[in-house]
Protein backbone atom coordinates (compact mmCIF):
# COMPACT_ATOMS: atom_id res chain seq x y z
CA UNK A 1 80.99 95.16 123.11
CA UNK A 2 81.41 96.75 126.34
CA UNK A 3 81.06 100.51 126.59
CA UNK A 4 84.18 102.67 128.11
CA UNK A 5 82.83 104.17 131.06
CA UNK A 6 82.72 107.67 132.33
CA UNK A 7 81.92 110.13 134.81
CA UNK A 8 78.46 111.00 133.89
CA UNK A 9 78.29 114.23 136.24
CA UNK A 10 80.41 116.49 134.04
CA UNK A 11 78.91 117.38 131.03
CA UNK A 12 81.43 118.13 128.46
CA UNK A 13 79.92 119.25 125.11
CA UNK A 14 81.92 119.38 122.12
CA UNK A 15 81.23 120.95 118.45
CA UNK A 16 80.42 117.50 117.07
CA UNK A 17 77.91 115.00 117.34
CA UNK A 18 74.92 117.27 118.57
CA UNK A 19 72.50 114.95 117.37
CA UNK A 20 71.64 111.37 118.00
CA UNK A 21 72.33 110.36 114.30
CA UNK A 22 74.08 107.70 112.55
CA UNK A 23 77.34 108.93 111.19
CA UNK A 24 78.14 109.81 107.59
CA UNK A 25 80.87 109.16 105.21
CA UNK A 26 83.42 112.18 105.08
CA UNK A 27 82.25 114.35 101.92
CA UNK A 28 85.07 115.18 99.44
CA UNK A 29 85.63 118.91 98.63
CA UNK A 30 87.76 120.70 95.84
CA UNK A 31 89.79 121.86 98.85
CA UNK A 32 90.33 118.07 100.13
CA UNK A 33 90.93 116.86 96.74
CA UNK A 34 93.65 119.66 95.73
CA UNK A 35 95.36 118.92 98.89
CA UNK A 36 95.51 115.16 98.37
CA UNK A 37 96.46 115.70 94.45
CA UNK A 38 99.49 118.65 95.48
CA UNK A 39 100.54 116.44 98.22
CA UNK A 40 100.85 113.21 96.11
CA UNK A 41 102.44 115.08 93.43
CA UNK A 42 105.24 116.66 95.67
CA UNK A 43 105.94 113.31 96.93
CA UNK A 44 105.88 111.73 93.47
CA UNK A 45 108.20 114.42 92.23
CA UNK A 46 110.60 113.71 95.36
CA UNK A 47 110.70 110.00 94.63
CA UNK A 48 110.97 110.29 90.95
CA UNK A 49 113.47 113.13 90.74
CA UNK A 50 114.74 113.39 94.30
CA UNK A 51 115.83 109.75 94.66
CA UNK A 52 118.22 109.29 91.84
CA UNK A 53 119.66 112.77 92.43
CA UNK A 54 120.34 112.11 96.03
CA UNK A 55 121.80 108.54 95.61
CA UNK A 56 123.87 109.85 92.43
CA UNK A 57 122.20 107.05 90.07
CA UNK A 58 119.71 106.32 87.66
CA UNK A 59 116.26 104.35 87.68
CA UNK A 60 117.86 101.70 85.63
CA UNK A 61 120.36 100.96 88.43
CA UNK A 62 117.62 100.95 90.96
CA UNK A 63 115.59 98.87 89.22
CA UNK A 64 118.32 96.43 88.77
CA UNK A 65 118.23 96.12 92.60
CA UNK A 66 114.55 96.10 92.89
CA UNK A 67 114.56 93.00 90.09
CA UNK A 68 116.90 91.01 92.69
CA UNK A 69 113.96 90.61 95.06
CA UNK A 70 112.07 87.38 94.60
CA UNK A 71 108.42 86.88 94.90
CA UNK A 72 108.58 84.66 97.89
CA UNK A 73 110.69 87.50 99.64
CA UNK A 74 108.14 90.11 98.78
CA UNK A 75 105.35 87.87 100.20
CA UNK A 76 107.48 87.64 103.75
CA UNK A 77 107.76 91.34 103.31
CA UNK A 78 104.04 91.53 103.06
CA UNK A 79 103.64 89.26 106.46
CA UNK A 80 106.08 91.15 108.30
CA UNK A 81 103.94 94.42 107.23
CA UNK A 82 100.60 92.96 108.35
CA UNK A 83 101.98 91.65 111.62
CA UNK A 84 103.33 95.05 112.61
CA UNK A 85 99.87 96.26 111.87
CA UNK A 86 98.26 93.72 114.14
CA UNK A 87 100.63 94.21 116.75
CA UNK A 88 100.00 97.71 116.93
CA UNK A 89 95.87 96.64 117.77
CA UNK A 90 97.17 96.03 121.17
CA UNK A 91 97.70 99.83 121.61
CA UNK A 92 94.10 101.02 120.30
CA UNK A 93 92.44 98.15 122.55
CA UNK A 94 94.24 99.35 125.48
CA UNK A 95 93.48 103.17 124.62
CA UNK A 96 89.54 102.20 124.18
CA UNK A 97 88.86 99.08 126.92
CA UNK A 98 85.88 97.23 124.75
CA UNK A 99 87.37 97.76 121.47
CA UNK A 100 88.19 94.31 119.80
CA UNK A 101 91.26 93.69 117.80
CA UNK A 102 89.41 93.57 114.54
CA UNK A 103 87.92 96.53 115.09
CA UNK A 104 91.22 98.19 116.26
CA UNK A 105 92.48 96.97 113.06
CA UNK A 106 89.84 99.15 111.20
CA UNK A 107 90.69 102.17 112.97
CA UNK A 108 94.23 101.86 112.35
CA UNK A 109 94.16 101.05 108.59
CA UNK A 110 91.47 103.73 108.11
CA UNK A 111 93.48 106.67 109.97
CA UNK A 112 96.87 105.39 108.16
CA UNK A 113 95.17 105.58 104.68
CA UNK A 114 93.56 108.95 105.28
CA UNK A 115 96.96 110.21 106.89
CA UNK A 116 99.06 108.85 104.06
CA UNK A 117 97.10 110.64 101.15
CA UNK A 118 97.09 114.13 102.58
CA UNK A 119 99.76 116.35 103.26
CA UNK A 120 99.50 117.01 107.21
CA UNK A 121 96.73 114.28 107.22
CA UNK A 122 97.10 113.29 111.08
CA UNK A 123 94.29 115.94 112.01
CA UNK A 124 91.91 114.21 109.48
CA UNK A 125 93.08 110.87 110.41
CA UNK A 126 92.16 111.76 114.02
CA UNK A 127 88.73 113.16 112.85
CA UNK A 128 87.77 109.87 111.24
CA UNK A 129 88.92 107.71 113.97
CA UNK A 130 86.60 109.83 116.20
CA UNK A 131 83.71 109.45 113.98
CA UNK A 132 84.32 105.76 113.38
CA UNK A 133 84.52 105.16 117.28
CA UNK A 134 81.30 106.99 117.73
CA UNK A 135 79.59 104.99 115.61
CA UNK A 136 80.44 102.10 117.67
CA UNK A 137 79.17 103.56 120.94
CA UNK A 138 82.02 105.11 122.66
CA UNK A 139 81.60 108.06 124.64
CA UNK A 140 83.28 111.29 123.43
CA UNK A 141 85.36 111.87 126.56
CA UNK A 142 86.72 108.25 126.35
CA UNK A 143 87.37 108.85 122.63
CA UNK A 144 89.55 112.13 123.46
CA UNK A 145 91.60 110.62 126.16
CA UNK A 146 92.29 107.41 124.06
CA UNK A 147 93.48 109.88 121.25
CA UNK A 148 95.60 112.18 123.50
CA UNK A 149 97.13 109.13 125.57
CA UNK A 150 97.88 106.95 122.31
CA UNK A 151 99.31 109.97 120.36
CA UNK A 152 101.72 110.78 122.98
CA UNK A 153 102.88 107.24 123.31
CA UNK A 154 103.60 106.93 119.57
CA UNK A 155 105.44 110.62 119.74
CA UNK A 156 107.34 109.37 122.51
CA UNK A 157 108.52 106.34 120.87
CA UNK A 158 109.32 107.81 117.58
CA UNK A 159 111.46 110.48 119.30
CA UNK A 160 113.25 107.91 121.60
CA UNK A 161 114.41 105.63 118.41
CA UNK A 162 116.76 108.22 116.75
CA UNK A 163 118.43 108.62 120.25
CA UNK A 164 119.03 104.74 120.45
CA UNK A 165 120.20 104.79 117.16
CA UNK A 166 122.75 107.46 117.53
CA UNK A 167 123.70 105.57 120.65
CA UNK A 168 124.49 102.55 118.98
CA UNK A 169 126.34 103.94 115.81
CA UNK A 170 128.41 106.13 118.25
CA UNK A 171 129.63 103.35 119.75
CA UNK A 172 130.90 102.06 116.29
CA UNK A 173 132.79 105.52 115.62
CA UNK A 174 129.98 106.21 112.79
CA UNK A 175 129.40 109.87 112.17
CA UNK A 176 125.64 110.90 111.34
CA UNK A 177 125.20 113.75 108.69
CA UNK A 178 125.15 116.94 110.71
CA UNK A 179 121.74 118.11 109.76
CA UNK A 180 120.48 114.47 110.69
CA UNK A 181 122.21 114.64 114.01
CA UNK A 182 120.99 117.96 114.90
CA UNK A 183 117.35 117.17 113.72
CA UNK A 184 117.66 114.13 115.91
CA UNK A 185 118.68 115.90 119.12
CA UNK A 186 116.19 118.72 119.02
CA UNK A 187 113.77 116.16 118.80
CA UNK A 188 115.23 114.71 121.64
CA UNK A 189 114.66 117.97 123.72
CA UNK A 190 111.00 118.28 122.31
CA UNK A 191 110.38 114.85 123.54
CA UNK A 192 111.78 115.64 127.03
CA UNK A 193 109.69 118.38 127.31
CA UNK A 194 106.81 116.49 126.16
CA UNK A 195 107.32 113.64 128.47
CA UNK A 196 107.84 116.18 131.63
CA UNK A 197 104.41 117.70 130.80
CA UNK A 198 102.53 114.48 130.41
CA UNK A 199 103.98 113.36 133.68
CA UNK A 200 103.07 116.51 135.52
CA UNK A 201 99.55 116.43 133.71
CA UNK A 202 98.88 112.89 135.25
CA UNK A 203 100.39 113.47 138.57
CA UNK A 204 99.29 117.04 139.69
CA UNK A 205 95.48 117.41 140.05
CA UNK A 206 96.24 120.44 141.70
CA UNK A 207 98.17 122.20 138.95
CA UNK A 208 95.48 121.09 136.64
CA UNK A 209 92.99 122.65 138.59
CA UNK A 210 95.09 125.85 138.59
CA UNK A 211 95.48 125.97 134.95
CA UNK A 212 91.85 125.31 134.06
CA UNK A 213 91.06 128.30 136.71
CA UNK A 214 93.53 130.40 134.36
CA UNK A 215 91.77 129.42 131.39
CA UNK A 216 88.26 129.75 132.66
CA UNK A 217 89.06 133.33 133.54
CA UNK A 218 91.20 134.13 130.22
CA UNK A 219 89.96 131.95 127.45
CA UNK A 220 86.46 130.88 128.31
CA UNK A 221 84.93 134.41 127.76
CA UNK A 222 86.62 134.47 124.20
CA UNK A 223 85.37 131.02 123.58
CA UNK A 224 81.75 132.19 124.49
CA UNK A 225 81.93 134.67 122.07
CA UNK A 226 82.69 132.05 119.14
CA UNK A 227 79.98 130.06 120.25
CA UNK A 228 77.37 132.44 120.75
CA UNK A 229 77.51 132.82 124.73
CA UNK A 230 78.04 129.34 125.59
CA UNK A 231 81.13 129.65 127.63
CA UNK A 232 82.39 126.12 128.26
CA UNK A 233 83.88 125.37 131.71
CA UNK A 234 87.53 124.32 131.02
CA UNK A 235 88.43 123.74 134.87
CA UNK A 236 86.22 120.97 135.05
CA UNK A 237 86.91 119.78 131.51
CA UNK A 238 90.66 119.51 132.22
CA UNK A 239 90.16 118.00 135.81
CA UNK A 240 87.79 115.41 134.10
CA UNK A 241 90.57 114.69 131.28
CA UNK A 242 93.54 114.28 133.80
CA UNK A 243 91.53 111.82 135.70
CA UNK A 244 90.71 109.94 132.70
CA UNK A 245 94.09 110.07 131.29
CA UNK A 246 95.90 109.20 134.65
CA UNK A 247 93.47 105.96 135.12
CA UNK A 248 94.00 104.95 131.39
CA UNK A 249 97.52 105.31 131.68
CA UNK A 250 97.59 103.19 135.06
CA UNK A 251 95.57 100.63 133.39
CA UNK A 252 96.82 100.56 129.88
CA UNK A 253 100.51 101.36 129.67
CA UNK A 254 101.77 97.60 129.32
CA UNK A 255 99.68 96.77 126.13
CA UNK A 256 99.98 100.39 124.76
CA UNK A 257 103.80 99.92 124.91
CA UNK A 258 103.63 96.43 123.55
CA UNK A 259 101.80 97.69 120.46
CA UNK A 260 103.76 100.70 119.69
CA UNK A 261 107.14 99.09 120.43
CA UNK A 262 106.32 96.03 118.84
CA UNK A 263 105.25 97.57 115.76
CA UNK A 264 108.30 99.50 115.53
CA UNK A 265 110.59 96.53 116.23
CA UNK A 266 108.61 94.32 113.43
CA UNK A 267 109.07 97.11 110.94
CA UNK A 268 112.59 97.38 111.80
CA UNK A 269 113.09 93.94 110.93
CA UNK A 270 111.08 94.32 107.86
CA UNK A 271 113.58 97.07 107.05
CA UNK A 272 116.45 95.09 107.67
CA UNK A 273 115.46 92.33 105.37
CA UNK A 274 114.38 94.65 102.63
CA UNK A 275 117.97 96.22 102.70
CA UNK A 276 119.64 92.76 102.83
CA UNK A 277 117.55 91.71 99.99
CA UNK A 278 118.45 94.54 97.62
CA UNK A 279 122.14 94.31 98.33
CA UNK A 280 122.83 96.97 101.56
CA UNK A 281 125.66 95.68 103.26
CA UNK A 282 125.98 97.46 106.55
CA UNK A 283 126.11 96.53 110.09
CA UNK A 284 122.43 95.85 111.93
CA UNK A 285 123.43 98.74 114.32
CA UNK A 286 124.15 101.52 111.23
CA UNK A 287 120.70 100.11 109.77
CA UNK A 288 118.77 100.31 112.78
CA UNK A 289 119.85 104.15 112.88
CA UNK A 290 119.07 104.79 109.50
CA UNK A 291 115.61 103.18 110.07
CA UNK A 292 115.04 105.29 113.26
CA UNK A 293 115.70 108.42 111.36
CA UNK A 294 113.42 107.41 108.71
CA UNK A 295 110.83 106.65 111.48
CA UNK A 296 111.49 110.07 112.75
CA UNK A 297 110.93 112.09 109.38
CA UNK A 298 107.71 110.62 108.65
CA UNK A 299 106.25 112.75 110.91
CA UNK A 300 107.01 115.74 108.67
CA UNK A 301 103.98 117.22 107.52
CA UNK A 302 105.20 118.41 104.34
CA UNK A 303 104.13 115.43 102.12
CA UNK A 304 101.50 112.86 103.08
CA UNK A 305 103.07 110.61 105.96
CA UNK A 306 106.57 112.31 105.20
CA UNK A 307 106.71 110.23 101.97
CA UNK A 308 109.81 111.04 100.03
CA UNK A 309 111.21 113.10 103.13
CA UNK A 310 111.87 110.06 105.03
CA UNK A 311 113.27 108.46 102.08
CA UNK A 312 115.87 110.90 101.31
CA UNK A 313 117.01 110.98 104.79
CA UNK A 314 117.72 107.25 104.71
CA UNK A 315 119.47 107.57 101.52
CA UNK A 316 121.63 110.04 103.01
CA UNK A 317 122.21 108.43 106.38
CA UNK A 318 123.23 105.17 104.47
CA UNK A 319 125.34 106.92 101.56
CA UNK A 320 127.51 108.53 104.43
CA UNK A 321 128.13 105.20 105.85
CA UNK A 322 129.34 103.91 102.53
CA UNK A 323 126.32 101.75 101.43
CA UNK A 324 125.82 101.09 97.78
CA UNK A 325 123.82 104.30 96.81
CA UNK A 326 121.54 102.55 94.01
CA UNK A 327 120.60 99.80 96.74
CA UNK A 328 120.16 102.22 99.35
CA UNK A 329 117.59 103.99 97.11
CA UNK A 330 115.80 100.66 96.13
CA UNK A 331 115.52 99.80 99.75
CA UNK A 332 114.36 102.89 100.94
CA UNK A 333 111.65 102.91 97.99
CA UNK A 334 110.54 99.05 98.78
CA UNK A 335 110.23 99.92 102.51
CA UNK A 336 108.18 103.05 102.00
CA UNK A 337 105.68 100.90 99.19
CA UNK A 338 105.29 98.19 102.24
CA UNK A 339 105.04 100.54 105.08
CA UNK A 340 103.27 103.59 103.42
CA UNK A 341 101.81 102.90 100.09
CA UNK A 342 100.17 99.58 100.83
CA UNK A 343 98.11 101.02 103.73
CA UNK A 344 96.08 102.86 101.37
CA UNK A 345 94.51 100.05 99.55
CA UNK A 346 94.19 98.36 103.19
CA UNK A 347 92.53 101.61 104.46
CA UNK A 348 89.86 101.57 101.66
CA UNK A 349 89.39 98.16 102.92
CA UNK A 350 88.59 99.20 106.65
CA UNK A 351 86.63 101.79 105.63
CA UNK A 352 84.32 99.70 103.71
CA UNK A 353 84.20 97.07 106.44
CA UNK A 354 83.32 99.90 108.83
CA UNK A 355 80.41 101.72 106.27
CA UNK A 356 78.76 98.04 106.20
CA UNK A 357 78.99 96.87 109.62
CA UNK A 358 76.70 97.60 112.41
CA UNK A 359 76.47 101.06 114.13
CA UNK A 360 75.35 101.79 117.99
CA UNK A 361 73.33 104.99 118.25
CA UNK A 362 74.60 107.32 120.68
CA UNK A 363 73.33 110.14 122.51
CA UNK A 364 74.26 113.94 122.16
CA UNK A 365 75.24 114.15 126.00
CA UNK A 366 77.38 111.16 126.27
């Protein structure tokens, strides 16, 4: 596989990979195990007791709608889920030129499995992706650039979805629950700020240099004390990162957009078909709005992957528009199984495939 290129004149030292060694599997500690147990327990409580309470129903009624979904439909749902995962590999192969779609799928499912089992697991998922990409010979600066750009692409897409959904239902004179509507508009404001900051970062090397010089003056001395006198040159770091982000965005914006938007659209089709199968009879525009709100709520880090929180939001939105509440609860639960729970065993397969696969030695200074 071809290795991402980089400017060797800038030596950026990070607090990882300080030796040329093969990667090690992450070690489980009692804290990480406790986080997983507590997070999954909270998610289970929200689902077991929260879903029937929100839907003003019982598990007997929810089970009735779940049993109406046949085996053939379930296979179709699984196929859509896998299609969505495959489409997203276009975002990852564009983020790290030289990465194959097979390896991109491994990075995707392993990171998702970590994020879906730990509260606030996104940071741990990034660390896992970093370790896997390093083991395949990617340079540290190329990895960090890809993580930043692909992360921003995901955030912007997930924030844009609820706005599109609100616009669609507003044309039908539908009203969102006030808490949901307020959260969506705040998300829009934050998304606009993020977009402006990203555009400025890509198009203004002069401002980047000024920010780096200020950080070198104010922040580098503090970091030097923490790193025992080794003061990082943040101005060089930011200028190099800005150049890399701009180059990656110019080259890869189209496949990254196809991957992110394509996965979200495929999973909406999955959401739509699941709701039809369990008996939720609402217009497609209403279902899209509910799906968009649920996608935004998955970013909430209270539970692993927002499990339970997103389903609660979906049920509230659908119920406010007159959907059959037991059917809405059954649909939200089934969608979570295919897009959240199913990624955990897939992630375990991905971890195994990475562990037994070939690794590429890398130098500490790359």
